[in-house]
Amino acid sequence: MRDVGTVLSVTPSGFLTARAPSAEVVPEGTAVRDSRGIVRGRVVRVFGPVARPYLSVRPRRTPTAAEGVALLGVPLVSDE
């Protein structure tokens, strides 16, 4: 399991924004899970500073407001 980043926000369109722990990031298209093993979505975009980029994750389904709040601060991991 590889640490992908921590969820910082949920955009109005329902995408998750995560911050990578280092410059080494997973490629776009990588499936990401939470610490319990639940698939949360796929990385669709990597952007921001090279030292610690941000990741945009398209969730499997748009989270409700309560689910979005619960996702804040959740670490995401991948199998790669």
PDB file of N, CA and C in Angstrom:
ATOM      1  N   MET A   1       0.842  -1.176   0.000  1.00  0.00           N
ATOM      2  CA  MET A   1       0.000   0.000   0.000  1.00  0.00           C
ATOM      3  C   MET A   1       0.893   1.247   0.000  1.00  0.00           C
ATOM      4  N   ARG A   2       0.490   2.221  -0.763  1.00  0.00           N
ATOM      5  CA  ARG A   2       1.273   3.442  -0.905  1.00  0.00           C
ATOM      6  C   ARG A   2       0.426   4.640  -0.495  1.00  0.00           C
ATOM      7  N   ASP A   3       0.961   5.492   0.351  1.00  0.00           N
ATOM      8  CA  ASP A   3       0.256   6.698   0.782  1.00  0.00           C
ATOM      9  C   ASP A   3       0.142   7.660  -0.396  1.00  0.00           C
ATOM     10  N   VAL A   4      -1.079   8.049  -0.737  1.00  0.00           N
ATOM     11  CA  VAL A   4      -1.327   8.935  -1.872  1.00  0.00           C
ATOM     12  C   VAL A   4      -1.464  10.384  -1.413  1.00  0.00           C
ATOM     13  N   GLY A   5      -2.143  10.604  -0.303  1.00  0.00           N
ATOM     14  CA  GLY A   5      -2.348  11.958   0.202  1.00  0.00           C
ATOM     15  C   GLY A   5      -3.512  11.999   1.176  1.00  0.00           C
ATOM     16  N   THR A   6      -3.783  13.196   1.681  1.00  0.00           N
ATOM     17  CA  THR A   6      -4.848  13.418   2.643  1.00  0.00           C
ATOM     18  C   THR A   6      -5.894  14.333   2.026  1.00  0.00           C
ATOM     19  N   VAL A   7      -7.162  13.993   2.193  1.00  0.00           N
ATOM     20  CA  VAL A   7      -8.256  14.788   1.634  1.00  0.00           C
ATOM     21  C   VAL A   7      -8.315  16.137   2.350  1.00  0.00           C
ATOM     22  N   LEU A   8      -8.234  17.211   1.566  1.00  0.00           N
ATOM     23  CA  LEU A   8      -8.306  18.571   2.111  1.00  0.00           C
ATOM     24  C   LEU A   8      -9.669  19.197   1.916  1.00  0.00           C
ATOM     25  N   SER A   9     -10.330  18.861   0.785  1.00  0.00           N
ATOM     26  CA  SER A   9     -11.620  19.473   0.508  1.00  0.00           C
ATOM     27  C   SER A   9     -12.423  18.638  -0.469  1.00  0.00           C
ATOM     28  N   VAL A  10     -13.704  18.960  -0.529  1.00  0.00           N
ATOM     29  CA  VAL A  10     -14.605  18.390  -1.516  1.00  0.00           C
ATOM     30  C   VAL A  10     -15.111  19.571  -2.338  1.00  0.00           C
ATOM     31  N   THR A  11     -14.901  19.522  -3.654  1.00  0.00           N
ATOM     32  CA  THR A  11     -15.297  20.637  -4.514  1.00  0.00           C
ATOM     33  C   THR A  11     -16.810  20.657  -4.693  1.00  0.00           C
ATOM     34  N   PRO A  12     -17.367  21.774  -5.159  1.00  0.00           N
ATOM     35  CA  PRO A  12     -18.808  21.827  -5.406  1.00  0.00           C
ATOM     36  C   PRO A  12     -19.292  20.764  -6.394  1.00  0.00           C
ATOM     37  N   SER A  13     -18.418  20.335  -7.301  1.00  0.00           N
ATOM     38  CA  SER A  13     -18.801  19.290  -8.258  1.00  0.00           C
ATOM     39  C   SER A  13     -18.638  17.886  -7.675  1.00  0.00           C
ATOM     40  N   GLY A  14     -18.164  17.776  -6.435  1.00  0.00           N
ATOM     41  CA  GLY A  14     -18.059  16.490  -5.752  1.00  0.00           C
ATOM     42  C   GLY A  14     -16.700  15.833  -5.814  1.00  0.00           C
ATOM     43  N   PHE A  15     -15.729  16.434  -6.485  1.00  0.00           N
ATOM     44  CA  PHE A  15     -14.391  15.861  -6.552  1.00  0.00           C
ATOM     45  C   PHE A  15     -13.674  16.079  -5.222  1.00  0.00           C
ATOM     46  N   LEU A  16     -12.769  15.164  -4.898  1.00  0.00           N
ATOM     47  CA  LEU A  16     -11.963  15.295  -3.688  1.00  0.00           C
ATOM     48  C   LEU A  16     -10.626  15.918  -4.054  1.00  0.00           C
ATOM     49  N   THR A  17     -10.153  16.841  -3.238  1.00  0.00           N
ATOM     50  CA  THR A  17      -8.827  17.422  -3.420  1.00  0.00           C
ATOM     51  C   THR A  17      -7.953  16.911  -2.286  1.00  0.00           C
ATOM     52  N   ALA A  18      -6.841  16.276  -2.657  1.00  0.00           N
ATOM     53  CA  ALA A  18      -5.923  15.710  -1.672  1.00  0.00           C
ATOM     54  C   ALA A  18      -4.545  16.310  -1.860  1.00  0.00           C
ATOM     55  N   ARG A  19      -3.763  16.354  -0.792  1.00  0.00           N
ATOM     56  CA  ARG A  19      -2.388  16.866  -0.838  1.00  0.00           C
ATOM     57  C   ARG A  19      -1.441  15.696  -0.705  1.00  0.00           C
ATOM     58  N   ALA A  20      -0.532  15.555  -1.661  1.00  0.00           N
ATOM     59  CA  ALA A  20       0.446  14.469  -1.633  1.00  0.00           C
ATOM     60  C   ALA A  20       1.463  14.706  -0.518  1.00  0.00           C
ATOM     61  N   PRO A  21       1.979  13.641   0.095  1.00  0.00           N
ATOM     62  CA  PRO A  21       2.952  13.803   1.171  1.00  0.00           C
ATOM     63  C   PRO A  21       4.350  14.168   0.680  1.00  0.00           C
ATOM     64  N   SER A  22       4.626  13.948  -0.614  1.00  0.00           N
ATOM     65  CA  SER A  22       5.948  14.245  -1.163  1.00  0.00           C
ATOM     66  C   SER A  22       5.824  14.505  -2.657  1.00  0.00           C
ATOM     67  N   ALA A  23       6.955  14.694  -3.314  1.00  0.00           N
ATOM     68  CA  ALA A  23       6.962  14.946  -4.759  1.00  0.00           C
ATOM     69  C   ALA A  23       6.632  13.693  -5.556  1.00  0.00           C
ATOM     70  N   GLU A  24       6.758  12.545  -4.940  1.00  0.00           N
ATOM     71  CA  GLU A  24       6.480  11.286  -5.614  1.00  0.00           C
ATOM     72  C   GLU A  24       4.974  11.012  -5.559  1.00  0.00           C
ATOM     73  N   VAL A  25       4.304  11.067  -6.713  1.00  0.00           N
ATOM     74  CA  VAL A  25       2.854  10.877  -6.757  1.00  0.00           C
ATOM     75  C   VAL A  25       2.486   9.702  -7.654  1.00  0.00           C
ATOM     76  N   VAL A  26       1.283   9.202  -7.453  1.00  0.00           N
ATOM     77  CA  VAL A  26       0.777   8.115  -8.298  1.00  0.00           C
ATOM     78  C   VAL A  26       0.331   8.709  -9.629  1.00  0.00           C
ATOM     79  N   PRO A  27       0.347   7.928 -10.695  1.00  0.00           N
ATOM     80  CA  PRO A  27      -0.085   8.448 -11.989  1.00  0.00           C
ATOM     81  C   PRO A  27      -1.601   8.664 -12.052  1.00  0.00           C
ATOM     82  N   GLU A  28      -2.017   9.523 -12.963  1.00  0.00           N
ATOM     83  CA  GLU A  28      -3.447   9.747 -13.178  1.00  0.00           C
ATOM     84  C   GLU A  28      -4.084   8.432 -13.604  1.00  0.00           C
ATOM     85  N   GLY A  29      -5.297   8.204 -13.153  1.00  0.00           N
ATOM     86  CA  GLY A  29      -5.996   6.964 -13.454  1.00  0.00           C
ATOM     87  C   GLY A  29      -5.879   5.920 -12.365  1.00  0.00           C
ATOM     88  N   THR A  30      -5.072   6.182 -11.353  1.00  0.00           N
ATOM     89  CA  THR A  30      -4.868   5.241 -10.257  1.00  0.00           C
ATOM     90  C   THR A  30      -6.070   5.246  -9.322  1.00  0.00           C
ATOM     91  N   ALA A  31      -6.567   4.061  -8.969  1.00  0.00           N
ATOM     92  CA  ALA A  31      -7.651   3.936  -8.000  1.00  0.00           C
ATOM     93  C   ALA A  31      -7.100   4.177  -6.598  1.00  0.00           C
ATOM     94  N   VAL A  32      -7.848   4.906  -5.785  1.00  0.00           N
ATOM     95  CA  VAL A  32      -7.423   5.191  -4.410  1.00  0.00           C
ATOM     96  C   VAL A  32      -8.477   4.710  -3.423  1.00  0.00           C
ATOM     97  N   ARG A  33      -7.995   4.293  -2.261  1.00  0.00           N
ATOM     98  CA  ARG A  33      -8.852   3.773  -1.194  1.00  0.00           C
ATOM     99  C   ARG A  33      -8.620   4.561   0.087  1.00  0.00           C
ATOM    100  N   ASP A  34      -9.578   4.451   1.001  1.00  0.00           N
ATOM    101  CA  ASP A  34      -9.341   5.020   2.322  1.00  0.00           C
ATOM    102  C   ASP A  34      -8.640   3.957   3.168  1.00  0.00           C
ATOM    103  N   SER A  35      -8.370   4.253   4.419  1.00  0.00           N
ATOM    104  CA  SER A  35      -7.611   3.332   5.269  1.00  0.00           C
ATOM    105  C   SER A  35      -8.382   2.050   5.579  1.00  0.00           C
ATOM    106  N   ARG A  36      -9.707   2.062   5.411  1.00  0.00           N
ATOM    107  CA  ARG A  36     -10.518   0.860   5.642  1.00  0.00           C
ATOM    108  C   ARG A  36     -10.584  -0.037   4.411  1.00  0.00           C
ATOM    109  N   GLY A  37     -10.022   0.430   3.281  1.00  0.00           N
ATOM    110  CA  GLY A  37     -10.011  -0.365   2.067  1.00  0.00           C
ATOM    111  C   GLY A  37     -11.144  -0.067   1.103  1.00  0.00           C
ATOM    112  N   ILE A  38     -11.974   0.919   1.424  1.00  0.00           N
ATOM    113  CA  ILE A  38     -13.090   1.285   0.546  1.00  0.00           C
ATOM    114  C   ILE A  38     -12.563   2.132  -0.605  1.00  0.00           C
ATOM    115  N   VAL A  39     -12.853   1.728  -1.840  1.00  0.00           N
ATOM    116  CA  VAL A  39     -12.420   2.500  -3.009  1.00  0.00           C
ATOM    117  C   VAL A  39     -13.163   3.823  -3.019  1.00  0.00           C
ATOM    118  N   ARG A  40     -12.413   4.922  -3.017  1.00  0.00           N
ATOM    119  CA  ARG A  40     -13.012   6.255  -2.990  1.00  0.00           C
ATOM    120  C   ARG A  40     -13.073   6.901  -4.357  1.00  0.00           C
ATOM    121  N   GLY A  41     -12.254   6.455  -5.314  1.00  0.00           N
ATOM    122  CA  GLY A  41     -12.293   7.018  -6.653  1.00  0.00           C
ATOM    123  C   GLY A  41     -10.986   6.829  -7.390  1.00  0.00           C
ATOM    124  N   ARG A  42     -10.794   7.653  -8.441  1.00  0.00           N
ATOM    125  CA  ARG A  42      -9.584   7.608  -9.258  1.00  0.00           C
ATOM    126  C   ARG A  42      -8.965   8.991  -9.358  1.00  0.00           C
ATOM    127  N   VAL A  43      -7.641   9.022  -9.390  1.00  0.00           N
ATOM    128  CA  VAL A  43      -6.919  10.281  -9.573  1.00  0.00           C
ATOM    129  C   VAL A  43      -7.133  10.727 -11.025  1.00  0.00           C
ATOM    130  N   VAL A  44      -7.649  11.943 -11.206  1.00  0.00           N
ATOM    131  CA  VAL A  44      -7.884  12.442 -12.564  1.00  0.00           C
ATOM    132  C   VAL A  44      -6.962  13.594 -12.930  1.00  0.00           C
ATOM    133  N   ARG A  45      -6.325  14.201 -11.918  1.00  0.00           N
ATOM    134  CA  ARG A  45      -5.456  15.335 -12.212  1.00  0.00           C
ATOM    135  C   ARG A  45      -4.450  15.524 -11.090  1.00  0.00           C
ATOM    136  N   VAL A  46      -3.218  15.848 -11.468  1.00  0.00           N
ATOM    137  CA  VAL A  46      -2.162  16.203 -10.520  1.00  0.00           C
ATOM    138  C   VAL A  46      -1.758  17.631 -10.851  1.00  0.00           C
ATOM    139  N   PHE A  47      -1.760  18.514  -9.851  1.00  0.00           N
ATOM    140  CA  PHE A  47      -1.474  19.921 -10.116  1.00  0.00           C
ATOM    141  C   PHE A  47      -0.825  20.574  -8.901  1.00  0.00           C
ATOM    142  N   GLY A  48      -0.289  21.754  -9.103  1.00  0.00           N
ATOM    143  CA  GLY A  48       0.285  22.519  -8.005  1.00  0.00           C
ATOM    144  C   GLY A  48       1.795  22.411  -7.934  1.00  0.00           C
ATOM    145  N   PRO A  49       2.362  22.730  -6.771  1.00  0.00           N
ATOM    146  CA  PRO A  49       3.822  22.745  -6.626  1.00  0.00           C
ATOM    147  C   PRO A  49       4.427  21.348  -6.779  1.00  0.00           C
ATOM    148  N   VAL A  50       5.584  21.306  -7.392  1.00  0.00           N
ATOM    149  CA  VAL A  50       6.250  20.033  -7.655  1.00  0.00           C
ATOM    150  C   VAL A  50       6.651  19.333  -6.358  1.00  0.00           C
ATOM    151  N   ALA A  51       7.032  20.085  -5.341  1.00  0.00           N
ATOM    152  CA  ALA A  51       7.505  19.487  -4.090  1.00  0.00           C
ATOM    153  C   ALA A  51       6.405  18.691  -3.381  1.00  0.00           C
ATOM    154  N   ARG A  52       5.174  19.178  -3.392  1.00  0.00           N
ATOM    155  CA  ARG A  52       4.036  18.503  -2.749  1.00  0.00           C
ATOM    156  C   ARG A  52       2.772  18.835  -3.525  1.00  0.00           C
ATOM    157  N   PRO A  53       2.512  18.144  -4.627  1.00  0.00           N
ATOM    158  CA  PRO A  53       1.367  18.492  -5.469  1.00  0.00           C
ATOM    159  C   PRO A  53       0.023  18.123  -4.844  1.00  0.00           C
ATOM    160  N   TYR A  54      -1.004  18.639  -5.469  1.00  0.00           N
ATOM    161  CA  TYR A  54      -2.383  18.316  -5.115  1.00  0.00           C
ATOM    162  C   TYR A  54      -2.891  17.283  -6.113  1.00  0.00           C
ATOM    163  N   LEU A  55      -3.861  16.486  -5.683  1.00  0.00           N
ATOM    164  CA  LEU A  55      -4.471  15.488  -6.540  1.00  0.00           C
ATOM    165  C   LEU A  55      -5.971  15.740  -6.572  1.00  0.00           C
ATOM    166  N   SER A  56      -6.546  15.661  -7.739  1.00  0.00           N
ATOM    167  CA  SER A  56      -7.995  15.732  -7.873  1.00  0.00           C
ATOM    168  C   SER A  56      -8.476  14.306  -8.080  1.00  0.00           C
ATOM    169  N   VAL A  57      -9.410  13.872  -7.228  1.00  0.00           N
ATOM    170  CA  VAL A  57      -9.907  12.498  -7.264  1.00  0.00           C
ATOM    171  C   VAL A  57     -11.395  12.522  -7.615  1.00  0.00           C
ATOM    172  N   ARG A  58     -11.750  11.794  -8.678  1.00  0.00           N
ATOM    173  CA  ARG A  58     -13.161  11.668  -9.048  1.00  0.00           C
ATOM    174  C   ARG A  58     -13.729  10.502  -8.247  1.00  0.00           C
ATOM    175  N   PRO A  59     -14.678  10.777  -7.347  1.00  0.00           N
ATOM    176  CA  PRO A  59     -15.230   9.690  -6.533  1.00  0.00           C
ATOM    177  C   PRO A  59     -16.123   8.772  -7.360  1.00  0.00           C
ATOM    178  N   ARG A  60     -16.360   7.584  -6.846  1.00  0.00           N
ATOM    179  CA  ARG A  60     -17.240   6.633  -7.527  1.00  0.00           C
ATOM    180  C   ARG A  60     -18.648   7.195  -7.626  1.00  0.00           C
ATOM    181  N   ARG A  61     -19.064   7.923  -6.607  1.00  0.00           N
ATOM    182  CA  ARG A  61     -20.339   8.652  -6.643  1.00  0.00           C
ATOM    183  C   ARG A  61     -20.150   9.940  -5.848  1.00  0.00           C
ATOM    184  N   THR A  62     -20.938  10.938  -6.176  1.00  0.00           N
ATOM    185  CA  THR A  62     -20.808  12.225  -5.499  1.00  0.00           C
ATOM    186  C   THR A  62     -21.208  12.074  -4.035  1.00  0.00           C
ATOM    187  N   PRO A  63     -20.335  12.494  -3.117  1.00  0.00           N
ATOM    188  CA  PRO A  63     -20.668  12.363  -1.694  1.00  0.00           C
ATOM    189  C   PRO A  63     -21.737  13.366  -1.272  1.00  0.00           C
ATOM    190  N   THR A  64     -22.554  12.967  -0.303  1.00  0.00           N
ATOM    191  CA  THR A  64     -23.513  13.897   0.291  1.00  0.00           C
ATOM    192  C   THR A  64     -22.722  14.883   1.146  1.00  0.00           C
ATOM    193  N   ALA A  65     -23.394  15.903   1.645  1.00  0.00           N
ATOM    194  CA  ALA A  65     -22.711  16.899   2.483  1.00  0.00           C
ATOM    195  C   ALA A  65     -22.096  16.241   3.720  1.00  0.00           C
ATOM    196  N   ALA A  66     -22.830  15.353   4.354  1.00  0.00           N
ATOM    197  CA  ALA A  66     -22.323  14.682   5.557  1.00  0.00           C
ATOM    198  C   ALA A  66     -21.139  13.776   5.217  1.00  0.00           C
ATOM    199  N   GLU A  67     -21.220  13.063   4.106  1.00  0.00           N
ATOM    200  CA  GLU A  67     -20.110  12.210   3.690  1.00  0.00           C
ATOM    201  C   GLU A  67     -18.879  13.044   3.345  1.00  0.00           C
ATOM    202  N   GLY A  68     -19.099  14.192   2.709  1.00  0.00           N
ATOM    203  CA  GLY A  68     -17.995  15.083   2.364  1.00  0.00           C
ATOM    204  C   GLY A  68     -17.258  15.570   3.596  1.00  0.00           C
ATOM    205  N   VAL A  69     -18.006  15.957   4.616  1.00  0.00           N
ATOM    206  CA  VAL A  69     -17.390  16.415   5.871  1.00  0.00           C
ATOM    207  C   VAL A  69     -16.622  15.269   6.523  1.00  0.00           C
ATOM    208  N   ALA A  70     -17.179  14.065   6.483  1.00  0.00           N
ATOM    209  CA  ALA A  70     -16.511  12.904   7.088  1.00  0.00           C
ATOM    210  C   ALA A  70     -15.221  12.545   6.357  1.00  0.00           C
ATOM    211  N   LEU A  71     -15.123  12.876   5.073  1.00  0.00           N
ATOM    212  CA  LEU A  71     -13.924  12.556   4.292  1.00  0.00           C
ATOM    213  C   LEU A  71     -12.761  13.513   4.549  1.00  0.00           C
ATOM    214  N   LEU A  72     -13.021  14.694   5.071  1.00  0.00           N
ATOM    215  CA  LEU A  72     -11.957  15.662   5.317  1.00  0.00           C
ATOM    216  C   LEU A  72     -10.930  15.101   6.298  1.00  0.00           C
ATOM    217  N   GLY A  73      -9.673  15.159   5.900  1.00  0.00           N
ATOM    218  CA  GLY A  73      -8.591  14.659   6.743  1.00  0.00           C
ATOM    219  C   GLY A  73      -8.317  13.172   6.604  1.00  0.00           C
ATOM    220  N   VAL A  74      -9.076  12.486   5.763  1.00  0.00           N
ATOM    221  CA  VAL A  74      -8.910  11.037   5.602  1.00  0.00           C
ATOM    222  C   VAL A  74      -7.698  10.765   4.688  1.00  0.00           C
ATOM    223  N   PRO A  75      -6.782   9.909   5.121  1.00  0.00           N
ATOM    224  CA  PRO A  75      -5.658   9.545   4.252  1.00  0.00           C
ATOM    225  C   PRO A  75      -6.122   8.587   3.152  1.00  0.00           C
ATOM    226  N   LEU A  76      -5.589   8.763   1.952  1.00  0.00           N
ATOM    227  CA  LEU A  76      -5.896   7.896   0.830  1.00  0.00           C
ATOM    228  C   LEU A  76      -4.655   7.078   0.464  1.00  0.00           C
ATOM    229  N   VAL A  77      -4.882   5.831   0.056  1.00  0.00           N
ATOM    230  CA  VAL A  77      -3.789   4.940  -0.317  1.00  0.00           C
ATOM    231  C   VAL A  77      -4.106   4.277  -1.652  1.00  0.00           C
ATOM    232  N   SER A  78      -3.076   3.737  -2.301  1.00  0.00           N
ATOM    233  CA  SER A  78      -3.258   2.986  -3.543  1.00  0.00           C
ATOM    234  C   SER A  78      -2.498   1.670  -3.435  1.00  0.00           C
ATOM    235  N   ASP A  79      -2.799   0.754  -4.333  1.00  0.00           N
ATOM    236  CA  ASP A  79      -2.124  -0.542  -4.343  1.00  0.00           C
ATOM    237  C   ASP A  79      -0.811  -0.499  -5.100  1.00  0.00           C
ATOM    238  N   GLU A  80      -0.536   0.583  -5.820  1.00  0.00           N
ATOM    239  CA  GLU A  80       0.682   0.675  -6.633  1.00  0.00           C
ATOM    240  C   GLU A  80       1.882   1.013  -5.793  1.00  0.00           C
TER     241      GLU A  80
END
